Amino acid sequence: MHHQEQLQTPLLPSQLAVSSMSAEETKPDWLQGSEEAGYGSNANEDFSSPTNNEEDRSPLPFLQRAQSASIIMSLLLSPVAIILVSIWASSLGGVSWSQGEAPRVFNWHPVLMVTAYAMMNVGALIFRVSGTSAYQTSTSALSASSHSKKRGIAKLFHASSWSLIFIFGIVAMLAVFKSHNDPISGYIANLYSFHSWAGVLTLTLYTLQFIVGVLAFGGFLSGRSRFSSPAVMEIHKFTGTYIHILVTATIMMGIQEKEGFVQCSYSVDSADLMPLLNYGQIPYSCKISHGLGLVILAMGLCTSFGLAHFPAL
């Protein structure tokens, strides 16, 4: 018996395009050829010819402007926070690392922590500032090589800044233990406050986040492990934002705790019905720390809003 071959009619180019589009639409979002698809493989994407859908669909203009303003505000407030905490430490006697000067040794703790927090804001926003965030549709207008180069620089800055932040955090914790265990100045209990517990938890989560980030996105496991999957990137973004919020809250708790030791209250002989009239009686160092707390709060809000991902409309 002879088997007859079935002849297939060649598909027209238009039919091939429709077939390709149908197959693309059935893929998960992170496998489709969008600018959010690859977190480490952007060099293989075509950013030179954005589709009409990419050009038309974007977050509302006022949200984009608000995010840009929030990012600028956070970056401007970062050096302000460093200046304020330096003035605060100076008003409390300055800093030292000598035995017998426990209060001044402790002052390294807020200085280093606030400085690290300011650097964290810059490091977290670097992808938005450089225009290489996977959430920014503007990256689709870049060439593949240009986008890959800019994102590589942003990743290096991000990793470098967070490495330095980690060192600052460790030294800041050492300053607390050194000041609390000074035989000349006197011993003070450790880890007795909620602020200290929150601080240890935050530093632990930060360390885990740092290790996973280095392994997953530093090229050590790329292409050989599930650590390099886009799902890990989304988890990395979520935990990074969560840690940033934790740091913001922990710093404000620390300011409040320190103000309790400084005794920011003032004496009154009658009902204090108009506290603003007694503003001048608040100690100078407390006024500085109040201002620092407000700046930290504003930085946390601006950075969180600047990192938010609003769906395309």
C-alpha atoms as a PDB file:
ATOM      1  CA  MET A   1       0.000   0.000   0.000  1.00  0.00           C
ATOM      2  CA  HIS A   2       1.169   3.480  -0.791  1.00  0.00           C
ATOM      3  CA  HIS A   3       0.764   6.247   1.770  1.00  0.00           C
ATOM      4  CA  GLN A   4      -0.303   9.510   0.284  1.00  0.00           C
ATOM      5  CA  GLU A   5       1.372  12.583   1.767  1.00  0.00           C
ATOM      6  CA  GLN A   6      -0.962  15.279   2.910  1.00  0.00           C
ATOM      7  CA  LEU A   7      -0.005  18.604   1.437  1.00  0.00           C
ATOM      8  CA  GLN A   8      -0.288  21.559   3.787  1.00  0.00           C
ATOM      9  CA  THR A   9      -1.078  24.975   2.471  1.00  0.00           C
ATOM     10  CA  PRO A  10       1.674  27.428   3.470  1.00  0.00           C
ATOM     11  CA  LEU A  11       0.536  30.043   5.939  1.00  0.00           C
ATOM     12  CA  LEU A  12       0.450  33.622   4.735  1.00  0.00           C
ATOM     13  CA  PRO A  13       2.592  36.199   6.605  1.00  0.00           C
ATOM     14  CA  SER A  14      -0.538  37.725   8.148  1.00  0.00           C
ATOM     15  CA  GLN A  15      -1.639  34.293   9.378  1.00  0.00           C
ATOM     16  CA  LEU A  16       1.814  33.698  10.869  1.00  0.00           C
ATOM     17  CA  ALA A  17       1.599  37.030  12.713  1.00  0.00           C
ATOM     18  CA  VAL A  18      -1.819  36.159  14.152  1.00  0.00           C
ATOM     19  CA  SER A  19      -0.555  32.734  15.215  1.00  0.00           C
ATOM     20  CA  SER A  20       2.482  34.286  16.866  1.00  0.00           C
ATOM     21  CA  MET A  21       0.369  36.834  18.686  1.00  0.00           C
ATOM     22  CA  SER A  22      -1.983  34.159  19.971  1.00  0.00           C
ATOM     23  CA  ALA A  23       0.906  32.114  21.311  1.00  0.00           C
ATOM     24  CA  GLU A  24       2.415  35.183  22.953  1.00  0.00           C
ATOM     25  CA  GLU A  25      -0.869  36.102  24.617  1.00  0.00           C
ATOM     26  CA  THR A  26      -1.160  32.664  26.212  1.00  0.00           C
ATOM     27  CA  LYS A  27       2.211  33.016  27.956  1.00  0.00           C
ATOM     28  CA  PRO A  28       2.526  34.354  31.503  1.00  0.00           C
ATOM     29  CA  ASP A  29       3.192  38.088  31.763  1.00  0.00           C
ATOM     30  CA  TRP A  30       6.849  37.626  32.669  1.00  0.00           C
ATOM     31  CA  LEU A  31       7.440  35.451  29.549  1.00  0.00           C
ATOM     32  CA  GLN A  32       5.863  37.895  27.129  1.00  0.00           C
ATOM     33  CA  GLY A  33       8.058  40.293  25.229  1.00  0.00           C
ATOM     34  CA  SER A  34       7.371  43.269  27.428  1.00  0.00           C
ATOM     35  CA  GLU A  35       9.844  45.429  29.267  1.00  0.00           C
ATOM     36  CA  GLU A  36       8.925  43.700  32.513  1.00  0.00           C
ATOM     37  CA  ALA A  37       9.811  40.265  31.171  1.00  0.00           C
ATOM     38  CA  GLY A  38      13.491  39.927  31.959  1.00  0.00           C
ATOM     39  CA  TYR A  39      15.130  41.163  35.110  1.00  0.00           C
ATOM     40  CA  GLY A  40      18.555  39.951  34.196  1.00  0.00           C
ATOM     41  CA  SER A  41      18.237  39.391  30.466  1.00  0.00           C
ATOM     42  CA  ASN A  42      17.263  42.814  29.207  1.00  0.00           C
ATOM     43  CA  ALA A  43      20.045  42.726  26.651  1.00  0.00           C
ATOM     44  CA  ASN A  44      18.036  40.237  24.596  1.00  0.00           C
ATOM     45  CA  GLU A  45      14.989  42.473  24.377  1.00  0.00           C
ATOM     46  CA  ASP A  46      14.172  44.948  21.643  1.00  0.00           C
ATOM     47  CA  PHE A  47      13.691  48.376  23.182  1.00  0.00           C
ATOM     48  CA  SER A  48      14.073  50.281  19.937  1.00  0.00           C
ATOM     49  CA  SER A  49      10.519  49.927  18.640  1.00  0.00           C
ATOM     50  CA  PRO A  50       7.820  50.152  21.328  1.00  0.00           C
ATOM     51  CA  THR A  51       4.370  48.973  20.342  1.00  0.00           C
ATOM     52  CA  ASN A  52       1.373  51.224  20.193  1.00  0.00           C
ATOM     53  CA  ASN A  53      -0.039  49.552  23.297  1.00  0.00           C
ATOM     54  CA  GLU A  54       3.125  50.402  25.251  1.00  0.00           C
ATOM     55  CA  GLU A  55       2.929  54.012  24.151  1.00  0.00           C
ATOM     56  CA  ASP A  56      -0.764  54.392  24.887  1.00  0.00           C
ATOM     57  CA  ARG A  57      -0.924  52.499  28.156  1.00  0.00           C
ATOM     58  CA  SER A  58       0.769  54.200  31.080  1.00  0.00           C
ATOM     59  CA  PRO A  59      -0.124  55.309  34.603  1.00  0.00           C
ATOM     60  CA  LEU A  60      -2.185  58.477  34.873  1.00  0.00           C
ATOM     61  CA  PRO A  61      -0.065  61.577  34.155  1.00  0.00           C
ATOM     62  CA  PHE A  62      -0.698  63.111  37.563  1.00  0.00           C
ATOM     63  CA  LEU A  63       0.534  59.905  39.246  1.00  0.00           C
ATOM     64  CA  GLN A  64       3.706  59.977  37.169  1.00  0.00           C
ATOM     65  CA  ARG A  65       4.315  63.617  38.114  1.00  0.00           C
ATOM     66  CA  ALA A  66       3.564  62.890  41.769  1.00  0.00           C
ATOM     67  CA  GLN A  67       6.001  59.986  41.776  1.00  0.00           C
ATOM     68  CA  SER A  68       8.713  62.097  40.177  1.00  0.00           C
ATOM     69  CA  ALA A  69       8.153  64.814  42.778  1.00  0.00           C
ATOM     70  CA  SER A  70       8.269  62.254  45.604  1.00  0.00           C
ATOM     71  CA  ILE A  71      11.542  60.814  44.336  1.00  0.00           C
ATOM     72  CA  ILE A  72      13.117  64.273  44.085  1.00  0.00           C
ATOM     73  CA  MET A  73      11.861  65.173  47.561  1.00  0.00           C
ATOM     74  CA  SER A  74      13.276  61.978  49.075  1.00  0.00           C
ATOM     75  CA  LEU A  75      16.665  62.582  47.453  1.00  0.00           C
ATOM     76  CA  LEU A  76      16.708  66.180  48.730  1.00  0.00           C
ATOM     77  CA  LEU A  77      15.718  65.170  52.256  1.00  0.00           C
ATOM     78  CA  SER A  78      18.451  62.533  52.488  1.00  0.00           C
ATOM     79  CA  PRO A  79      21.345  65.006  53.044  1.00  0.00           C
ATOM     80  CA  VAL A  80      19.045  67.087  55.283  1.00  0.00           C
ATOM     81  CA  ALA A  81      18.591  64.060  57.549  1.00  0.00           C
ATOM     82  CA  ILE A  82      22.361  63.508  57.744  1.00  0.00           C
ATOM     83  CA  ILE A  83      22.922  67.168  58.650  1.00  0.00           C
ATOM     84  CA  LEU A  84      20.205  67.119  61.323  1.00  0.00           C
ATOM     85  CA  VAL A  85      21.446  63.934  62.991  1.00  0.00           C
ATOM     86  CA  SER A  86      24.990  65.365  63.004  1.00  0.00           C
ATOM     87  CA  ILE A  87      23.732  68.541  64.709  1.00  0.00           C
ATOM     88  CA  TRP A  88      21.740  66.429  67.155  1.00  0.00           C
ATOM     89  CA  ALA A  89      24.751  64.311  68.079  1.00  0.00           C
ATOM     90  CA  SER A  90      26.840  67.446  68.481  1.00  0.00           C
ATOM     91  CA  SER A  91      24.254  68.957  70.840  1.00  0.00           C
ATOM     92  CA  LEU A  92      24.450  65.767  72.923  1.00  0.00           C
ATOM     93  CA  GLY A  93      28.222  66.014  73.321  1.00  0.00           C
ATOM     94  CA  GLY A  94      29.539  64.781  69.992  1.00  0.00           C
ATOM     95  CA  VAL A  95      30.983  61.356  69.218  1.00  0.00           C
ATOM     96  CA  SER A  96      33.875  59.291  70.505  1.00  0.00           C
ATOM     97  CA  TRP A  97      35.120  55.691  70.556  1.00  0.00           C
ATOM     98  CA  SER A  98      37.092  55.936  73.796  1.00  0.00           C
ATOM     99  CA  GLN A  99      36.406  53.953  76.935  1.00  0.00           C
ATOM    100  CA  GLY A 100      34.826  56.012  79.682  1.00  0.00           C
ATOM    101  CA  GLU A 101      32.851  58.147  77.241  1.00  0.00           C
ATOM    102  CA  ALA A 102      29.844  55.882  76.803  1.00  0.00           C
ATOM    103  CA  PRO A 103      27.295  58.627  75.962  1.00  0.00           C
ATOM    104  CA  ARG A 104      29.490  59.934  73.153  1.00  0.00           C
ATOM    105  CA  VAL A 105      30.217  56.423  71.931  1.00  0.00           C
ATOM    106  CA  PHE A 106      26.481  55.773  71.784  1.00  0.00           C
ATOM    107  CA  ASN A 107      25.983  58.887  69.647  1.00  0.00           C
ATOM    108  CA  TRP A 108      27.618  57.001  66.771  1.00  0.00           C
ATOM    109  CA  HIS A 109      24.500  54.825  66.699  1.00  0.00           C
ATOM    110  CA  PRO A 110      21.979  57.443  65.493  1.00  0.00           C
ATOM    111  CA  VAL A 111      24.552  59.114  63.238  1.00  0.00           C
ATOM    112  CA  LEU A 112      25.406  55.902  61.403  1.00  0.00           C
ATOM    113  CA  MET A 113      21.843  54.594  61.301  1.00  0.00           C
ATOM    114  CA  VAL A 114      20.362  57.781  59.860  1.00  0.00           C
ATOM    115  CA  THR A 115      23.227  58.074  57.372  1.00  0.00           C
ATOM    116  CA  ALA A 116      22.633  54.464  56.326  1.00  0.00           C
ATOM    117  CA  TYR A 117      18.909  55.198  55.995  1.00  0.00           C
ATOM    118  CA  ALA A 118      19.599  58.181  53.748  1.00  0.00           C
ATOM    119  CA  MET A 119      21.832  55.996  51.580  1.00  0.00           C
ATOM    120  CA  MET A 120      19.138  53.319  51.531  1.00  0.00           C
ATOM    121  CA  ASN A 121      16.684  55.791  50.016  1.00  0.00           C
ATOM    122  CA  VAL A 122      19.119  56.689  47.248  1.00  0.00           C
ATOM    123  CA  GLY A 123      20.052  53.050  46.632  1.00  0.00           C
ATOM    124  CA  ALA A 124      16.417  51.989  46.460  1.00  0.00           C
ATOM    125  CA  LEU A 125      15.464  54.765  44.040  1.00  0.00           C
ATOM    126  CA  ILE A 126      18.439  54.416  41.693  1.00  0.00           C
ATOM    127  CA  PHE A 127      16.523  52.277  39.188  1.00  0.00           C
ATOM    128  CA  ARG A 128      13.704  54.823  39.001  1.00  0.00           C
ATOM    129  CA  VAL A 129      16.137  57.727  38.748  1.00  0.00           C
ATOM    130  CA  SER A 130      18.138  56.049  35.975  1.00  0.00           C
ATOM    131  CA  GLY A 131      14.983  55.034  34.087  1.00  0.00           C
ATOM    132  CA  THR A 132      15.887  51.337  34.174  1.00  0.00           C
ATOM    133  CA  SER A 133      13.138  50.075  36.462  1.00  0.00           C
ATOM    134  CA  ALA A 134      11.158  47.146  35.046  1.00  0.00           C
ATOM    135  CA  TYR A 135       8.012  49.099  35.912  1.00  0.00           C
ATOM    136  CA  GLN A 136       8.916  52.083  33.748  1.00  0.00           C
ATOM    137  CA  THR A 137       7.562  51.966  30.215  1.00  0.00           C
ATOM    138  CA  SER A 138      10.123  54.595  29.253  1.00  0.00           C
ATOM    139  CA  THR A 139      12.786  51.877  29.136  1.00  0.00           C
ATOM    140  CA  SER A 140      11.134  50.488  25.989  1.00  0.00           C
ATOM    141  CA  ALA A 141      12.437  53.500  24.065  1.00  0.00           C
ATOM    142  CA  LEU A 142      16.054  52.608  24.813  1.00  0.00           C
ATOM    143  CA  SER A 143      18.234  50.439  22.639  1.00  0.00           C
ATOM    144  CA  ALA A 144      19.088  47.041  24.058  1.00  0.00           C
ATOM    145  CA  SER A 145      22.757  47.895  24.574  1.00  0.00           C
ATOM    146  CA  SER A 146      22.029  51.301  26.114  1.00  0.00           C
ATOM    147  CA  HIS A 147      19.467  49.875  28.513  1.00  0.00           C
ATOM    148  CA  SER A 148      21.739  46.997  29.502  1.00  0.00           C
ATOM    149  CA  LYS A 149      24.634  49.365  30.214  1.00  0.00           C
ATOM    150  CA  LYS A 150      22.537  51.804  32.253  1.00  0.00           C
ATOM    151  CA  ARG A 151      20.913  49.004  34.232  1.00  0.00           C
ATOM    152  CA  GLY A 152      24.325  47.444  34.911  1.00  0.00           C
ATOM    153  CA  ILE A 153      25.570  50.743  36.360  1.00  0.00           C
ATOM    154  CA  ALA A 154      22.381  51.084  38.425  1.00  0.00           C
ATOM    155  CA  LYS A 155      22.778  47.530  39.781  1.00  0.00           C
ATOM    156  CA  LEU A 156      26.393  48.216  40.722  1.00  0.00           C
ATOM    157  CA  PHE A 157      25.421  51.414  42.539  1.00  0.00           C
ATOM    158  CA  HIS A 158      22.519  49.635  44.249  1.00  0.00           C
ATOM    159  CA  ALA A 159      24.725  46.767  45.448  1.00  0.00           C
ATOM    160  CA  SER A 160      27.573  49.058  46.505  1.00  0.00           C
ATOM    161  CA  SER A 161      25.347  51.394  48.498  1.00  0.00           C
ATOM    162  CA  TRP A 162      23.581  48.547  50.262  1.00  0.00           C
ATOM    163  CA  SER A 163      26.944  46.928  51.068  1.00  0.00           C
ATOM    164  CA  LEU A 164      28.077  50.156  52.714  1.00  0.00           C
ATOM    165  CA  ILE A 165      24.736  50.400  54.528  1.00  0.00           C
ATOM    166  CA  PHE A 166      25.289  46.927  55.957  1.00  0.00           C
ATOM    167  CA  ILE A 167      28.700  47.966  57.314  1.00  0.00           C
ATOM    168  CA  PHE A 168      27.224  51.129  58.847  1.00  0.00           C
ATOM    169  CA  GLY A 169      24.501  49.066  60.505  1.00  0.00           C
ATOM    170  CA  ILE A 170      26.987  46.637  62.058  1.00  0.00           C
ATOM    171  CA  VAL A 171      29.197  49.437  63.409  1.00  0.00           C
ATOM    172  CA  ALA A 172      26.135  51.256  64.760  1.00  0.00           C
ATOM    173  CA  MET A 173      25.089  48.115  66.651  1.00  0.00           C
ATOM    174  CA  LEU A 174      28.628  47.716  68.003  1.00  0.00           C
ATOM    175  CA  ALA A 175      28.478  51.310  69.266  1.00  0.00           C
ATOM    176  CA  VAL A 176      25.430  50.438  71.362  1.00  0.00           C
ATOM    177  CA  PHE A 177      26.997  47.341  72.924  1.00  0.00           C
ATOM    178  CA  LYS A 178      30.294  49.145  73.534  1.00  0.00           C
ATOM    179  CA  SER A 179      28.583  52.063  75.299  1.00  0.00           C
ATOM    180  CA  HIS A 180      26.363  49.763  77.365  1.00  0.00           C
ATOM    181  CA  ASN A 181      29.281  47.586  78.517  1.00  0.00           C
ATOM    182  CA  ASP A 182      31.737  50.300  79.515  1.00  0.00           C
ATOM    183  CA  PRO A 183      33.264  49.448  82.916  1.00  0.00           C
ATOM    184  CA  ILE A 184      34.241  53.076  83.533  1.00  0.00           C
ATOM    185  CA  SER A 185      30.991  54.786  82.529  1.00  0.00           C
ATOM    186  CA  GLY A 186      28.874  52.019  84.057  1.00  0.00           C
ATOM    187  CA  TYR A 187      26.988  49.053  82.699  1.00  0.00           C
ATOM    188  CA  ILE A 188      23.586  49.331  81.028  1.00  0.00           C
ATOM    189  CA  ALA A 189      21.290  46.458  80.075  1.00  0.00           C
ATOM    190  CA  ASN A 190      21.084  45.470  76.397  1.00  0.00           C
ATOM    191  CA  LEU A 191      18.053  44.577  74.295  1.00  0.00           C
ATOM    192  CA  TYR A 192      15.533  45.653  76.924  1.00  0.00           C
ATOM    193  CA  SER A 193      13.418  47.973  74.751  1.00  0.00           C
ATOM    194  CA  PHE A 194      11.053  47.315  71.879  1.00  0.00           C
ATOM    195  CA  HIS A 195      13.208  49.592  69.723  1.00  0.00           C
ATOM    196  CA  SER A 196      16.194  47.289  70.243  1.00  0.00           C
ATOM    197  CA  TRP A 197      14.156  44.210  69.395  1.00  0.00           C
ATOM    198  CA  ALA A 198      12.814  45.851  66.246  1.00  0.00           C
ATOM    199  CA  GLY A 199      16.341  46.906  65.336  1.00  0.00           C
ATOM    200  CA  VAL A 200      17.744  43.386  65.629  1.00  0.00           C
ATOM    201  CA  LEU A 201      14.839  42.007  63.577  1.00  0.00           C
ATOM    202  CA  THR A 202      15.324  44.647  60.900  1.00  0.00           C
ATOM    203  CA  LEU A 203      19.079  44.074  60.656  1.00  0.00           C
ATOM    204  CA  THR A 204      18.523  40.314  60.436  1.00  0.00           C
ATOM    205  CA  LEU A 205      16.008  40.684  57.609  1.00  0.00           C
ATOM    206  CA  TYR A 206      18.313  43.153  55.892  1.00  0.00           C
ATOM    207  CA  THR A 207      21.190  40.643  56.056  1.00  0.00           C
ATOM    208  CA  LEU A 208      19.039  37.881  54.554  1.00  0.00           C
ATOM    209  CA  GLN A 209      17.815  40.250  51.843  1.00  0.00           C
ATOM    210  CA  PHE A 210      21.385  41.253  51.086  1.00  0.00           C
ATOM    211  CA  ILE A 211      22.617  37.659  50.801  1.00  0.00           C
ATOM    212  CA  VAL A 212      19.743  36.574  48.553  1.00  0.00           C
ATOM    213  CA  GLY A 213      20.191  39.672  46.411  1.00  0.00           C
ATOM    214  CA  VAL A 214      23.898  39.022  45.900  1.00  0.00           C
ATOM    215  CA  LEU A 215      23.345  35.357  45.049  1.00  0.00           C
ATOM    216  CA  ALA A 216      20.303  35.844  42.816  1.00  0.00           C
ATOM    217  CA  PHE A 217      21.222  39.025  40.955  1.00  0.00           C
ATOM    218  CA  GLY A 218      24.981  39.234  41.360  1.00  0.00           C
ATOM    219  CA  GLY A 219      25.645  36.669  38.653  1.00  0.00           C
ATOM    220  CA  PHE A 220      26.622  33.834  40.980  1.00  0.00           C
ATOM    221  CA  LEU A 221      23.566  31.661  40.302  1.00  0.00           C
ATOM    222  CA  SER A 222      22.197  33.234  37.130  1.00  0.00           C
ATOM    223  CA  GLY A 223      20.755  30.642  34.748  1.00  0.00           C
ATOM    224  CA  ARG A 224      21.544  27.752  37.081  1.00  0.00           C
ATOM    225  CA  SER A 225      19.037  28.169  39.873  1.00  0.00           C
ATOM    226  CA  ARG A 226      15.482  29.154  40.580  1.00  0.00           C
ATOM    227  CA  PHE A 227      16.997  32.054  42.482  1.00  0.00           C
ATOM    228  CA  SER A 228      17.289  33.833  39.133  1.00  0.00           C
ATOM    229  CA  SER A 229      13.570  33.563  38.316  1.00  0.00           C
ATOM    230  CA  PRO A 230      11.375  36.676  37.964  1.00  0.00           C
ATOM    231  CA  ALA A 231       9.343  35.467  40.957  1.00  0.00           C
ATOM    232  CA  VAL A 232      12.418  35.951  43.145  1.00  0.00           C
ATOM    233  CA  MET A 233      12.748  39.492  41.788  1.00  0.00           C
ATOM    234  CA  GLU A 234       9.188  40.300  42.849  1.00  0.00           C
ATOM    235  CA  ILE A 235       9.853  38.849  46.307  1.00  0.00           C
ATOM    236  CA  HIS A 236      13.080  40.869  46.457  1.00  0.00           C
ATOM    237  CA  LYS A 237      11.164  44.064  45.675  1.00  0.00           C
ATOM    238  CA  PHE A 238       8.473  43.308  48.252  1.00  0.00           C
ATOM    239  CA  THR A 239      10.889  42.457  51.049  1.00  0.00           C
ATOM    240  CA  GLY A 240      13.055  45.456  50.185  1.00  0.00           C
ATOM    241  CA  THR A 241      10.077  47.790  50.531  1.00  0.00           C
ATOM    242  CA  TYR A 242       9.013  46.067  53.755  1.00  0.00           C
ATOM    243  CA  ILE A 243      12.499  46.408  55.234  1.00  0.00           C
ATOM    244  CA  HIS A 244      12.565  50.086  54.254  1.00  0.00           C
ATOM    245  CA  ILE A 245       9.316  50.641  56.156  1.00  0.00           C
ATOM    246  CA  LEU A 246      10.705  48.724  59.145  1.00  0.00           C
ATOM    247  CA  VAL A 247      13.834  50.878  59.168  1.00  0.00           C
ATOM    248  CA  THR A 248      11.723  54.033  59.012  1.00  0.00           C
ATOM    249  CA  ALA A 249       9.604  52.939  61.982  1.00  0.00           C
ATOM    250  CA  THR A 250      12.601  51.678  63.982  1.00  0.00           C
ATOM    251  CA  ILE A 251      14.494  54.955  63.574  1.00  0.00           C
ATOM    252  CA  MET A 252      11.507  56.967  64.760  1.00  0.00           C
ATOM    253  CA  MET A 253      11.140  54.657  67.781  1.00  0.00           C
ATOM    254  CA  GLY A 254      14.829  55.178  68.507  1.00  0.00           C
ATOM    255  CA  ILE A 255      14.441  58.953  68.385  1.00  0.00           C
ATOM    256  CA  GLN A 256      11.502  58.741  70.793  1.00  0.00           C
ATOM    257  CA  GLU A 257      13.458  56.491  73.169  1.00  0.00           C
ATOM    258  CA  LYS A 258      16.477  58.799  73.177  1.00  0.00           C
ATOM    259  CA  GLU A 259      14.259  61.817  73.805  1.00  0.00           C
ATOM    260  CA  GLY A 260      12.982  60.060  76.927  1.00  0.00           C
ATOM    261  CA  PHE A 261      16.525  59.943  78.311  1.00  0.00           C
ATOM    262  CA  VAL A 262      17.200  63.548  77.295  1.00  0.00           C
ATOM    263  CA  GLN A 263      13.961  64.612  79.026  1.00  0.00           C
ATOM    264  CA  CYS A 264      12.296  66.829  76.481  1.00  0.00           C
ATOM    265  CA  SER A 265       9.496  67.821  78.851  1.00  0.00           C
ATOM    266  CA  TYR A 266       9.325  71.184  80.640  1.00  0.00           C
ATOM    267  CA  SER A 267       7.847  72.240  83.963  1.00  0.00           C
ATOM    268  CA  VAL A 268       4.440  73.931  84.171  1.00  0.00           C
ATOM    269  CA  ASP A 269       2.611  75.525  87.118  1.00  0.00           C
ATOM    270  CA  SER A 270      -0.865  75.324  85.577  1.00  0.00           C
ATOM    271  CA  ALA A 271      -2.789  73.558  82.852  1.00  0.00           C
ATOM    272  CA  ASP A 272      -0.761  73.626  79.633  1.00  0.00           C
ATOM    273  CA  LEU A 273      -3.674  74.628  77.376  1.00  0.00           C
ATOM    274  CA  MET A 274      -1.505  76.482  74.856  1.00  0.00           C
ATOM    275  CA  PRO A 275       1.589  74.273  74.420  1.00  0.00           C
ATOM    276  CA  LEU A 276       2.769  76.229  71.388  1.00  0.00           C
ATOM    277  CA  LEU A 277       3.392  79.215  73.666  1.00  0.00           C
ATOM    278  CA  ASN A 278       5.870  77.078  75.598  1.00  0.00           C
ATOM    279  CA  TYR A 279       7.733  75.905  72.523  1.00  0.00           C
ATOM    280  CA  GLY A 280      10.786  77.863  73.618  1.00  0.00           C
ATOM    281  CA  GLN A 281      11.043  75.773  76.796  1.00  0.00           C
ATOM    282  CA  ILE A 282      11.638  72.565  74.853  1.00  0.00           C
ATOM    283  CA  PRO A 283      15.367  71.733  75.016  1.00  0.00           C
ATOM    284  CA  TYR A 284      17.371  72.603  71.904  1.00  0.00           C
ATOM    285  CA  SER A 285      18.442  69.010  71.265  1.00  0.00           C
ATOM    286  CA  CYS A 286      14.802  67.904  71.377  1.00  0.00           C
ATOM    287  CA  LYS A 287      13.795  70.462  68.787  1.00  0.00           C
ATOM    288  CA  ILE A 288      16.461  69.063  66.494  1.00  0.00           C
ATOM    289  CA  SER A 289      15.372  65.480  67.098  1.00  0.00           C
ATOM    290  CA  HIS A 290      11.721  66.432  66.512  1.00  0.00           C
ATOM    291  CA  GLY A 291      12.701  67.908  63.168  1.00  0.00           C
ATOM    292  CA  LEU A 292      14.784  64.843  62.345  1.00  0.00           C
ATOM    293  CA  GLY A 293      11.834  62.579  63.087  1.00  0.00           C
ATOM    294  CA  LEU A 294       9.594  64.573  60.755  1.00  0.00           C
ATOM    295  CA  VAL A 295      12.218  64.384  58.000  1.00  0.00           C
ATOM    296  CA  ILE A 296      12.543  60.615  58.451  1.00  0.00           C
ATOM    297  CA  LEU A 297       8.771  60.247  58.275  1.00  0.00           C
ATOM    298  CA  ALA A 298       8.623  62.337  55.085  1.00  0.00           C
ATOM    299  CA  MET A 299      11.475  60.346  53.531  1.00  0.00           C
ATOM    300  CA  GLY A 300       9.712  57.075  54.251  1.00  0.00           C
ATOM    301  CA  LEU A 301       6.497  58.305  52.666  1.00  0.00           C
ATOM    302  CA  CYS A 302       8.169  59.821  49.600  1.00  0.00           C
ATOM    303  CA  THR A 303      10.360  56.793  48.920  1.00  0.00           C
ATOM    304  CA  SER A 304       7.493  54.311  49.354  1.00  0.00           C
ATOM    305  CA  PHE A 305       5.322  56.311  46.967  1.00  0.00           C
ATOM    306  CA  GLY A 306       8.190  56.695  44.514  1.00  0.00           C
ATOM    307  CA  LEU A 307       8.692  52.920  44.427  1.00  0.00           C
ATOM    308  CA  ALA A 308       4.994  52.102  44.040  1.00  0.00           C
ATOM    309  CA  HIS A 309       3.842  50.343  40.878  1.00  0.00           C
ATOM    310  CA  PHE A 310       0.648  51.763  39.452  1.00  0.00           C
ATOM    311  CA  PRO A 311      -1.041  49.648  36.744  1.00  0.00           C
ATOM    312  CA  ALA A 312      -1.115  50.975  33.195  1.00  0.00           C
ATOM    313  CA  LEU A 313      -4.416  52.549  32.192  1.00  0.00           C
END
